[in-house]
Protein backbone atom coordinates (compact mmCIF):
# COMPACT_ATOMS: atom_id res chain seq x y z
CA UNK A 1 15.99 39.34 -1.85
CA UNK A 2 14.01 36.90 -4.11
CA UNK A 3 12.42 34.13 -2.23
CA UNK A 4 11.88 30.54 -4.17
CA UNK A 5 9.72 28.15 -2.87
CA UNK A 6 10.68 24.18 -2.83
CA UNK A 7 8.33 21.97 -4.21
CA UNK A 8 7.22 19.10 -1.55
CA UNK A 9 7.83 15.20 -2.93
CA UNK A 10 7.12 11.97 -1.37
CA UNK A 11 8.97 9.36 -0.03
CA UNK A 12 8.87 7.12 -3.45
CA UNK A 13 11.01 10.22 -5.10
CA UNK A 14 13.54 10.29 -2.72
CA UNK A 15 15.57 6.88 -3.85
CA UNK A 16 18.96 7.35 -5.12
CA UNK A 17 18.98 11.20 -3.58
CA UNK A 18 21.36 13.10 -1.23
CA UNK A 19 19.26 13.91 1.46
CA UNK A 20 20.20 16.94 3.68
CA UNK A 21 18.45 17.34 6.78
CA UNK A 22 19.51 19.26 10.29
CA UNK A 23 21.28 16.69 12.68
CA UNK A 24 20.97 18.78 15.86
CA UNK A 25 17.44 19.39 16.83
CA UNK A 26 18.15 21.87 19.04
CA UNK A 27 19.37 24.44 16.85
CA UNK A 28 16.90 27.07 15.30
CA UNK A 29 16.62 29.02 12.10
CA UNK A 30 17.67 28.49 8.33
CA UNK A 31 19.96 25.63 7.74
CA UNK A 32 22.52 27.44 6.08
CA UNK A 33 23.03 30.82 5.14
CA UNK A 34 25.02 31.68 2.32
CA UNK A 35 25.51 35.02 -0.12
CA UNK A 36 23.89 34.86 -2.48
CA UNK A 37 20.93 36.74 -3.79
CA UNK A 38 17.81 33.96 -3.21
CA UNK A 39 16.00 32.44 0.00
CA UNK A 40 14.69 28.83 0.09
CA UNK A 41 11.39 28.24 1.49
CA UNK A 42 9.89 24.87 2.81
CA UNK A 43 6.80 24.19 0.13
CA UNK A 44 4.92 22.94 2.88
CA UNK A 45 5.18 25.56 5.08
CA UNK A 46 6.98 28.38 4.47
CA UNK A 47 9.53 27.66 6.47
CA UNK A 48 13.52 29.74 5.43
CA UNK A 49 15.26 26.74 4.70
CA UNK A 50 18.51 28.40 2.63
CA UNK A 51 19.14 32.10 3.37
CA UNK A 52 21.18 34.07 0.23
CA UNK A 53 21.61 31.19 -2.03
CA UNK A 54 23.44 31.78 -5.43
CA UNK A 55 21.10 29.86 -7.40
CA UNK A 56 18.18 27.71 -6.72
CA UNK A 57 19.79 24.92 -9.29
CA UNK A 58 22.78 24.49 -6.56
CA UNK A 59 20.40 22.23 -5.01
CA UNK A 60 18.49 20.46 -8.06
CA UNK A 61 19.52 17.02 -7.02
CA UNK A 62 19.49 16.95 -3.60
CA UNK A 63 16.48 16.52 -1.01
CA UNK A 64 16.16 19.00 1.94
CA UNK A 65 14.03 18.46 4.87
CA UNK A 66 12.84 20.45 6.35
CA UNK A 67 13.33 21.06 10.44
CA UNK A 68 10.13 23.00 11.15
CA UNK A 69 7.49 20.50 9.75
CA UNK A 70 9.39 17.09 8.37
CA UNK A 71 8.88 18.17 4.89
CA UNK A 72 10.95 16.93 1.61
CA UNK A 73 11.58 19.50 -0.32
CA UNK A 74 13.63 19.52 -3.81
CA UNK A 75 14.68 22.59 -6.40
CA UNK A 76 12.50 22.23 -9.71
CA UNK A 77 12.18 24.16 -12.28
CA UNK A 78 9.03 25.25 -14.46
CA UNK A 79 9.25 22.93 -17.78
CA UNK A 80 8.64 26.34 -20.33
CA UNK A 81 11.86 27.73 -19.32
CA UNK A 82 14.88 26.81 -20.46
CA UNK A 83 17.63 25.48 -18.10
């Protein structure tokens, strides 16, 4: 399994972007499970946000709020690597 750490973003960067967060705070574990080969971690606390993503690009336009620390995360791509 590959592991990718997401980038933490600040409030001004959140404008007009869909936000994914856990509504039921009593739940534990990752926000999502899938059948891919990439685990996505919170950029602030390394909490496992998504287990088994198929691609990091699947959440490129989304903000994912960590249920562990509350940090807002986004997928990002190294500018030196073509999409």
